[in-house]
Amino acid sequence: MKIKKHLKNIISICIVLAVYVVILLLVQAGALSRHYQSLLVPIGINVILAVSLNLTVGFLGELTLGHAGFMSVGAYAGCLFSVYCDLPTAVEFPLALLVGGIAAAIFGIIIGIPVLRLKGDYLAIVTLAFGEIIRSVITNLDFLGGAGGLRGIAKYKSTSSAFTAVFVVLALTVIIIRNLVKSRHGRAICSIRDNVIASESVGINVVFYKLLAFVTAAFFAGIAGVLYGHNLGILKPNTFDFNKSIEILVIVVLGGMGSITGSIISAIVITLLPEVLRGLEDYRLLIYAVVLIAMMLLNNNPKFNAFKESLKAKIRPAKKAAAEKEAD
């Protein structure tokens, strides 16, 4: 059983590396246009944001609308560190990511302890207010650049280096959150989503596990913010308004709450779709809205869900046979 599990992990790693190599070769060969190359980093950032928010909304079952707030805290903390610290890039950039993630996690603890006592719409409203308060505070702080934005942030040297940095962070994010969900802590988080009273009755510390999911999501949102800042070279407070939080939530809902794979696919589609439809001019927003509604309806359609399950059932034996063949 352990051998099959290890083989499955090896196959997954090989697929991820193959995707990375193919995209990198396309970039270096000039097969991707400059416009689509510029979308590689935003896609990766949206995937990180969606997967991390899915931990709170999908697996914990709590609706939060302050993800852009944590992203802004991490972005400004990590990028300030990069601006004022004169270190080699190989040391400075990972440290900036950690600083941004830790700063966002600290705010996650400060906000999470009182806020996670609320439920449903009340939690959503308070977290939305947190995001707007953070944005207003940043706008009025001169050392953060104020409304004009924080400038002088070191940008990636090339598209290849930018894609590599984002891809590595994205892969680590997915691996950590997937392993967390499958661990004992993850099962406790999911049990809270299913039934809080039953979870408490079997000795699960509901407050601790709610805070764990909330802070972990905030940590990765902060890291995504640092990546965003280094990609553009400037940070503006208006970027992190409530529309950004809602956009991330839409990605999670369309991909399927509690589905990491769905969040990844949805983030790619939602990021690419407006750009793919840009040439249609007047009809672009209409088509975009229709596609979003269609995806939402399909996700809530029992027949479509049954079709997806049947596909998974067909794919599993093929994967199992391939793993057994490699084992032999």
Protein backbone atom coordinates (compact mmCIF):
# COMPACT_ATOMS: atom_id res chain seq x y z
CA MET A 1 0.00 0.00 0.00
CA LYS A 2 2.86 2.35 0.90
CA ILE A 3 4.63 1.53 -2.37
CA LYS A 4 1.50 2.46 -4.35
CA LYS A 5 1.19 5.68 -2.39
CA HIS A 6 4.83 6.57 -3.07
CA LEU A 7 4.40 5.75 -6.76
CA LYS A 8 1.33 7.97 -6.93
CA ASN A 9 3.30 10.82 -5.37
CA ILE A 10 6.20 10.27 -7.79
CA ILE A 11 3.82 10.32 -10.77
CA SER A 12 2.24 13.57 -9.50
CA ILE A 13 5.67 15.16 -9.08
CA CYS A 14 6.68 14.07 -12.60
CA ILE A 15 3.50 15.60 -14.06
CA VAL A 16 4.13 18.89 -12.23
CA LEU A 17 7.75 19.02 -13.40
CA ALA A 18 6.68 18.21 -16.96
CA VAL A 19 4.18 21.11 -16.93
CA TYR A 20 6.87 23.45 -15.62
CA VAL A 21 9.44 22.35 -18.24
CA VAL A 22 6.94 22.62 -21.12
CA ILE A 23 5.84 26.14 -20.15
CA LEU A 24 9.43 27.25 -19.58
CA LEU A 25 10.47 25.92 -23.00
CA LEU A 26 7.53 27.73 -24.63
CA VAL A 27 8.60 30.97 -22.94
CA GLN A 28 12.25 30.65 -23.91
CA ALA A 29 11.41 29.63 -27.47
CA GLY A 30 9.10 32.63 -27.87
CA ALA A 31 6.13 30.38 -28.68
CA LEU A 32 3.99 32.31 -26.19
CA SER A 33 3.23 35.92 -27.05
CA ARG A 34 4.49 38.63 -24.72
CA HIS A 35 0.94 39.24 -23.57
CA TYR A 36 0.37 35.64 -22.49
CA GLN A 37 3.80 35.48 -20.88
CA SER A 38 2.76 38.41 -18.69
CA LEU A 39 -0.24 36.36 -17.49
CA LEU A 40 1.84 33.46 -16.13
CA VAL A 41 2.62 35.20 -12.82
CA PRO A 42 -0.95 36.51 -12.22
CA ILE A 43 -2.28 33.00 -12.87
CA GLY A 44 0.12 31.55 -10.30
CA ILE A 45 -0.78 34.25 -7.75
CA ASN A 46 -4.52 33.64 -8.23
CA VAL A 47 -4.01 29.90 -7.79
CA ILE A 48 -2.18 30.49 -4.48
CA LEU A 49 -4.94 32.85 -3.31
CA ALA A 50 -7.74 30.47 -4.36
CA VAL A 51 -6.20 27.35 -2.82
CA SER A 52 -5.47 29.15 0.45
CA LEU A 53 -8.97 30.68 0.65
CA ASN A 54 -10.46 27.25 -0.10
CA LEU A 55 -8.94 26.06 3.17
CA THR A 56 -11.17 28.51 5.07
CA VAL A 57 -14.27 28.61 2.86
CA GLY A 58 -14.28 25.07 1.45
CA PHE A 59 -12.75 22.85 4.12
CA LEU A 60 -13.56 24.85 7.27
CA GLY A 61 -16.91 26.07 5.92
CA GLU A 62 -16.57 29.69 7.08
CA LEU A 63 -17.33 32.54 4.66
CA THR A 64 -14.61 35.22 4.82
CA LEU A 65 -14.22 38.27 2.58
CA GLY A 66 -10.96 39.69 3.93
CA HIS A 67 -8.46 37.70 1.86
CA ALA A 68 -7.37 40.79 -0.07
CA GLY A 69 -6.65 42.46 3.28
CA PHE A 70 -4.20 39.72 4.26
CA MET A 71 -2.72 39.88 0.77
CA SER A 72 -2.11 43.63 1.17
CA VAL A 73 -0.49 43.22 4.61
CA GLY A 74 1.88 40.57 3.28
CA ALA A 75 2.59 42.55 0.11
CA TYR A 76 3.56 45.75 1.91
CA ALA A 77 5.53 44.00 4.68
CA GLY A 78 7.52 41.80 2.29
CA CYS A 79 8.12 44.54 -0.29
CA LEU A 80 9.19 47.05 2.39
CA PHE A 81 11.73 44.49 3.54
CA SER A 82 13.01 44.19 -0.05
CA VAL A 83 13.20 47.97 -0.51
CA TYR A 84 15.16 48.71 2.67
CA CYS A 85 17.33 45.58 2.96
CA ASP A 86 20.40 45.37 0.77
CA LEU A 87 20.99 41.63 0.51
CA PRO A 88 21.76 39.26 -2.37
CA THR A 89 18.61 38.42 -4.33
CA ALA A 90 18.91 34.69 -3.53
CA VAL A 91 18.68 35.55 0.18
CA GLU A 92 16.50 38.64 0.06
CA PHE A 93 13.59 37.25 -1.96
CA PRO A 94 12.89 34.12 0.19
CA LEU A 95 13.21 36.26 3.33
CA ALA A 96 10.76 38.80 1.85
CA LEU A 97 8.28 35.97 1.22
CA LEU A 98 8.63 34.79 4.82
CA VAL A 99 8.29 38.33 6.20
CA GLY A 100 5.13 38.90 4.12
CA GLY A 101 3.64 35.56 5.09
CA ILE A 102 4.42 35.96 8.80
CA ALA A 103 3.06 39.53 8.89
CA ALA A 104 -0.21 38.35 7.30
CA ALA A 105 -0.35 35.38 9.71
CA ILE A 106 0.08 37.71 12.72
CA PHE A 107 -2.84 39.82 11.49
CA GLY A 108 -4.72 36.56 10.95
CA ILE A 109 -4.25 35.70 14.63
CA ILE A 110 -5.20 39.21 15.80
CA ILE A 111 -8.34 39.27 13.64
CA GLY A 112 -9.17 35.57 13.92
CA ILE A 113 -9.37 35.27 17.71
CA PRO A 114 -12.39 37.61 18.09
CA VAL A 115 -13.87 37.24 14.60
CA LEU A 116 -14.07 33.45 14.37
CA ARG A 117 -16.63 33.45 17.16
CA LEU A 118 -19.05 34.84 14.58
CA LYS A 119 -20.79 32.77 11.91
CA GLY A 120 -22.28 33.14 8.45
CA ASP A 121 -23.07 36.64 7.20
CA TYR A 122 -21.70 38.31 10.34
CA LEU A 123 -18.26 36.77 9.80
CA ALA A 124 -18.31 37.78 6.13
CA ILE A 125 -19.23 41.40 6.98
CA VAL A 126 -16.56 41.77 9.68
CA THR A 127 -13.78 40.29 7.53
CA LEU A 128 -14.87 42.52 4.63
CA ALA A 129 -14.67 45.52 6.98
CA PHE A 130 -11.16 44.41 8.04
CA GLY A 131 -9.99 44.44 4.42
CA GLU A 132 -11.41 47.92 3.84
CA ILE A 133 -9.91 49.28 7.09
CA ILE A 134 -6.47 47.94 6.17
CA ARG A 135 -6.74 49.56 2.73
CA SER A 136 -7.74 52.90 4.24
CA VAL A 137 -4.90 52.79 6.76
CA ILE A 138 -2.32 52.01 4.06
CA THR A 139 -3.66 54.87 1.91
CA ASN A 140 -3.00 57.34 4.74
CA LEU A 141 0.50 56.16 5.72
CA ASP A 142 3.21 58.16 3.96
CA PHE A 143 6.02 55.66 4.57
CA LEU A 144 3.97 53.09 2.62
CA GLY A 145 3.65 55.48 -0.32
CA GLY A 146 0.10 56.56 0.49
CA ALA A 147 -2.44 56.63 -2.35
CA GLY A 148 0.38 56.97 -4.89
CA GLY A 149 1.68 53.54 -4.02
CA LEU A 150 4.91 51.98 -2.76
CA ARG A 151 7.59 52.25 -5.44
CA GLY A 152 11.15 51.05 -5.94
CA ILE A 153 10.35 47.36 -5.50
CA ALA A 154 12.84 45.12 -7.30
CA LYS A 155 11.19 43.35 -10.22
CA TYR A 156 12.03 39.91 -11.59
CA LYS A 157 14.95 39.95 -14.02
CA SER A 158 13.10 37.96 -16.70
CA THR A 159 9.85 36.18 -17.43
CA SER A 160 11.55 32.82 -16.88
CA SER A 161 12.82 33.77 -13.41
CA ALA A 162 9.41 35.22 -12.49
CA PHE A 163 7.59 32.09 -13.64
CA THR A 164 10.08 29.84 -11.82
CA ALA A 165 9.69 31.75 -8.53
CA VAL A 166 5.89 31.74 -8.69
CA PHE A 167 5.72 28.10 -9.80
CA VAL A 168 7.91 26.93 -6.89
CA VAL A 169 5.81 28.86 -4.35
CA LEU A 170 2.60 27.62 -5.99
CA ALA A 171 3.76 23.99 -5.85
CA LEU A 172 4.77 24.33 -2.18
CA THR A 173 1.42 25.96 -1.35
CA VAL A 174 -0.60 23.17 -2.97
CA ILE A 175 1.56 20.43 -1.37
CA ILE A 176 1.37 21.95 2.13
CA ILE A 177 -2.39 22.62 2.04
CA ARG A 178 -3.17 19.24 0.45
CA ASN A 179 -1.12 17.44 3.11
CA LEU A 180 -2.73 19.55 5.84
CA VAL A 181 -6.21 18.62 4.60
CA LYS A 182 -5.33 14.92 4.51
CA SER A 183 -3.71 14.99 7.96
CA ARG A 184 -5.36 14.54 11.35
CA HIS A 185 -5.65 18.32 11.64
CA GLY A 186 -7.34 18.50 8.25
CA ARG A 187 -9.89 15.86 9.23
CA ALA A 188 -10.64 17.87 12.37
CA ILE A 189 -11.14 21.02 10.26
CA CYS A 190 -13.51 19.20 7.91
CA SER A 191 -15.44 17.73 10.84
CA ILE A 192 -16.05 21.26 12.16
CA ARG A 193 -17.52 22.17 8.77
CA ASP A 194 -19.83 19.15 8.85
CA ASN A 195 -21.02 19.45 12.47
CA VAL A 196 -19.54 21.75 15.11
CA ILE A 197 -21.47 20.24 18.01
CA ALA A 198 -20.44 16.68 17.13
CA SER A 199 -16.81 17.82 16.78
CA GLU A 200 -16.85 19.40 20.22
CA SER A 201 -18.45 16.30 21.71
CA VAL A 202 -15.52 14.10 20.62
CA GLY A 203 -12.94 16.47 22.09
CA ILE A 204 -11.91 18.53 19.04
CA ASN A 205 -10.71 22.02 19.98
CA VAL A 206 -12.93 23.99 17.60
CA VAL A 207 -11.37 27.39 18.33
CA PHE A 208 -7.83 26.12 17.74
CA TYR A 209 -8.62 24.41 14.43
CA LYS A 210 -10.65 27.34 13.13
CA LEU A 211 -7.74 29.62 13.93
CA LEU A 212 -5.26 27.18 12.36
CA ALA A 213 -7.13 27.19 9.04
CA PHE A 214 -7.67 30.97 9.14
CA VAL A 215 -4.02 31.80 9.92
CA THR A 216 -2.65 29.30 7.37
CA ALA A 217 -4.83 30.86 4.65
CA ALA A 218 -3.69 34.35 5.70
CA PHE A 219 -0.02 33.26 5.60
CA PHE A 220 -0.23 32.10 1.98
CA ALA A 221 -2.28 35.16 1.00
CA GLY A 222 0.57 37.30 2.35
CA ILE A 223 3.10 35.35 0.29
CA ALA A 224 0.94 35.85 -2.82
CA GLY A 225 0.98 39.59 -2.08
CA VAL A 226 4.80 39.65 -2.02
CA LEU A 227 4.90 37.86 -5.38
CA TYR A 228 2.41 40.39 -6.74
CA GLY A 229 4.51 43.34 -5.59
CA HIS A 230 7.73 42.00 -7.10
CA ASN A 231 5.96 41.27 -10.36
CA LEU A 232 4.72 44.86 -10.87
CA GLY A 233 7.40 46.82 -8.99
CA ILE A 234 4.71 49.01 -7.39
CA LEU A 235 1.92 48.50 -4.85
CA LYS A 236 -1.25 50.60 -4.79
CA PRO A 237 -3.86 50.33 -2.00
CA ASN A 238 -6.81 50.33 -4.42
CA THR A 239 -5.60 47.00 -5.84
CA PHE A 240 -6.62 45.29 -2.59
CA ASP A 241 -10.21 46.49 -2.34
CA PHE A 242 -13.27 44.28 -1.66
CA ASN A 243 -13.56 43.46 -5.37
CA LYS A 244 -10.31 41.50 -5.12
CA SER A 245 -11.66 39.44 -2.20
CA ILE A 246 -14.87 38.73 -4.10
CA GLU A 247 -12.91 37.75 -7.21
CA ILE A 248 -10.94 35.17 -5.21
CA LEU A 249 -14.16 33.88 -3.62
CA VAL A 250 -15.75 33.52 -7.08
CA ILE A 251 -12.76 31.43 -8.19
CA VAL A 252 -13.16 29.15 -5.16
CA VAL A 253 -16.93 28.74 -5.60
CA LEU A 254 -16.68 28.06 -9.34
CA GLY A 255 -13.91 25.51 -8.82
CA GLY A 256 -15.92 23.74 -6.15
CA MET A 257 -15.58 24.39 -2.43
CA GLY A 258 -13.35 21.76 -0.87
CA SER A 259 -11.66 20.92 -4.18
CA ILE A 260 -8.01 21.99 -4.53
CA THR A 261 -7.84 20.77 -8.12
CA GLY A 262 -11.02 22.69 -8.93
CA SER A 263 -9.54 25.88 -7.45
CA ILE A 264 -6.43 25.51 -9.61
CA ILE A 265 -8.42 25.00 -12.82
CA SER A 266 -10.90 27.76 -11.96
CA ALA A 267 -8.09 30.25 -11.20
CA ILE A 268 -6.47 29.54 -14.58
CA VAL A 269 -9.77 29.89 -16.45
CA ILE A 270 -10.93 33.05 -14.62
CA THR A 271 -7.55 34.75 -15.15
CA LEU A 272 -7.28 33.82 -18.82
CA LEU A 273 -10.90 34.29 -19.87
CA PRO A 274 -11.06 38.13 -19.84
CA GLU A 275 -7.84 38.31 -21.86
CA VAL A 276 -8.92 35.63 -24.35
CA LEU A 277 -12.17 37.52 -24.94
CA ARG A 278 -10.50 40.94 -25.14
CA GLY A 279 -10.67 40.93 -28.95
CA LEU A 280 -14.48 40.71 -28.87
CA GLU A 281 -14.64 44.26 -27.46
CA ASP A 282 -18.32 45.03 -26.71
CA TYR A 283 -19.31 41.40 -26.18
CA ARG A 284 -16.38 40.47 -23.94
CA LEU A 285 -18.02 41.19 -20.58
CA LEU A 286 -21.29 39.60 -21.67
CA ILE A 287 -19.59 36.35 -22.72
CA TYR A 288 -17.50 36.40 -19.54
CA ALA A 289 -20.65 36.70 -17.40
CA VAL A 290 -22.44 33.94 -19.34
CA VAL A 291 -19.48 31.57 -18.91
CA LEU A 292 -19.36 32.26 -15.16
CA ILE A 293 -23.10 31.60 -14.79
CA ALA A 294 -22.80 28.41 -16.86
CA MET A 295 -19.93 27.17 -14.67
CA MET A 296 -21.94 27.93 -11.54
CA LEU A 297 -25.00 26.07 -12.84
CA LEU A 298 -22.90 23.06 -13.87
CA ASN A 299 -21.25 22.87 -10.45
CA ASN A 300 -24.70 22.75 -8.83
CA ASN A 301 -26.11 20.23 -11.30
CA PRO A 302 -26.34 16.70 -9.83
CA LYS A 303 -26.09 15.10 -13.30
CA PHE A 304 -22.87 16.99 -14.06
CA ASN A 305 -21.43 16.01 -10.67
CA ALA A 306 -22.39 12.38 -11.35
CA PHE A 307 -20.67 12.64 -14.74
CA LYS A 308 -17.48 13.93 -13.07
CA GLU A 309 -17.58 11.08 -10.57
CA SER A 310 -18.00 8.54 -13.38
CA LEU A 311 -14.96 10.00 -15.14
CA LYS A 312 -12.94 9.74 -11.93
CA ALA A 313 -14.07 6.13 -11.54
CA LYS A 314 -12.80 5.36 -15.05
CA ILE A 315 -9.50 7.16 -14.52
CA ARG A 316 -8.66 5.47 -11.19
CA PRO A 317 -8.31 1.91 -12.59
CA ALA A 318 -6.07 3.22 -15.38
CA LYS A 319 -3.81 4.97 -12.86
CA LYS A 320 -3.79 1.89 -10.65
CA ALA A 321 -2.81 -0.35 -13.58
CA ALA A 322 -0.04 2.06 -14.60
CA ALA A 323 1.32 2.15 -11.03
CA GLU A 324 1.25 -1.66 -10.76
CA LYS A 325 3.01 -1.95 -14.13
CA GLU A 326 5.79 0.40 -12.97
CA ALA A 327 6.07 -1.54 -9.69
CA ASP A 328 6.60 -4.78 -11.61
